[in-house]
Protein backbone atom coordinates (compact mmCIF):
# COMPACT_ATOMS: atom_id res chain seq x y z
CA UNK A 1 -103.04 -100.54 17.66
CA UNK A 2 -100.61 -101.25 14.82
CA UNK A 3 -97.89 -98.89 13.72
CA UNK A 4 -98.09 -97.49 10.23
CA UNK A 5 -95.96 -99.32 7.67
CA UNK A 6 -92.58 -97.77 7.03
CA UNK A 7 -91.91 -96.74 3.47
CA UNK A 8 -88.33 -96.78 2.34
CA UNK A 9 -87.69 -94.13 -0.26
CA UNK A 10 -84.18 -93.61 -1.51
CA UNK A 11 -82.84 -90.12 -1.10
CA UNK A 12 -81.05 -89.25 -4.33
CA UNK A 13 -77.40 -88.38 -4.10
CA UNK A 14 -76.29 -84.86 -4.91
CA UNK A 15 -74.66 -86.08 -8.12
CA UNK A 16 -77.82 -87.93 -9.09
CA UNK A 17 -79.90 -84.83 -8.48
CA UNK A 18 -77.53 -82.78 -10.64
CA UNK A 19 -77.78 -85.33 -13.44
CA UNK A 20 -81.57 -85.21 -13.24
CA UNK A 21 -81.57 -81.41 -13.46
CA UNK A 22 -79.04 -81.55 -16.29
CA UNK A 23 -81.23 -83.95 -18.26
CA UNK A 24 -84.17 -81.57 -17.89
CA UNK A 25 -82.23 -78.46 -18.90
CA UNK A 26 -79.81 -79.69 -21.51
CA UNK A 27 -80.43 -81.45 -24.77
CA UNK A 28 -78.85 -84.80 -25.55
CA UNK A 29 -76.07 -83.29 -27.66
CA UNK A 30 -74.97 -80.91 -24.94
CA UNK A 31 -74.99 -83.69 -22.40
CA UNK A 32 -72.85 -85.88 -24.65
CA UNK A 33 -70.42 -83.02 -25.24
CA UNK A 34 -70.16 -82.45 -21.50
CA UNK A 35 -69.47 -86.14 -20.84
CA UNK A 36 -66.85 -86.18 -23.60
CA UNK A 37 -65.18 -83.10 -22.14
CA UNK A 38 -65.02 -84.69 -18.68
CA UNK A 39 -63.60 -87.89 -20.17
CA UNK A 40 -60.90 -85.79 -21.84
CA UNK A 41 -60.07 -84.08 -18.55
CA UNK A 42 -59.69 -87.43 -16.81
CA UNK A 43 -57.51 -88.76 -19.63
CA UNK A 44 -55.31 -85.64 -19.51
CA UNK A 45 -54.86 -86.12 -15.76
CA UNK A 46 -53.91 -89.76 -16.29
CA UNK A 47 -51.34 -88.82 -18.94
CA UNK A 48 -49.88 -86.11 -16.70
CA UNK A 49 -49.56 -88.62 -13.86
CA UNK A 50 -47.85 -91.07 -16.22
CA UNK A 51 -45.40 -88.35 -17.35
CA UNK A 52 -44.50 -87.53 -13.75
CA UNK A 53 -43.94 -91.20 -12.95
CA UNK A 54 -41.81 -91.69 -16.09
CA UNK A 55 -39.71 -88.66 -15.16
CA UNK A 56 -39.17 -90.07 -11.66
CA UNK A 57 -37.98 -93.37 -13.13
CA UNK A 58 -35.63 -91.60 -15.54
CA UNK A 59 -34.24 -89.39 -12.77
CA UNK A 60 -33.66 -92.41 -10.53
CA UNK A 61 -31.93 -94.34 -13.34
CA UNK A 62 -29.70 -91.45 -14.48
CA UNK A 63 -26.15 -91.52 -13.19
CA UNK A 64 -25.50 -88.79 -10.68
CA UNK A 65 -22.67 -86.52 -11.75
């Protein structure tokens, strides 16, 4: 007797499932706006990190009184 063939089906990630639900519920414009907003958040975080690093360099280079 032969065993039944095994079928490999990928289980979607949580993020992938959310994107699928989002695509069903939201129109294209809303999705684009959401992606743009997230891109802005990431860019703001990067700039804040750069400001902190620049301040550290300036503090290290400043003569201590």
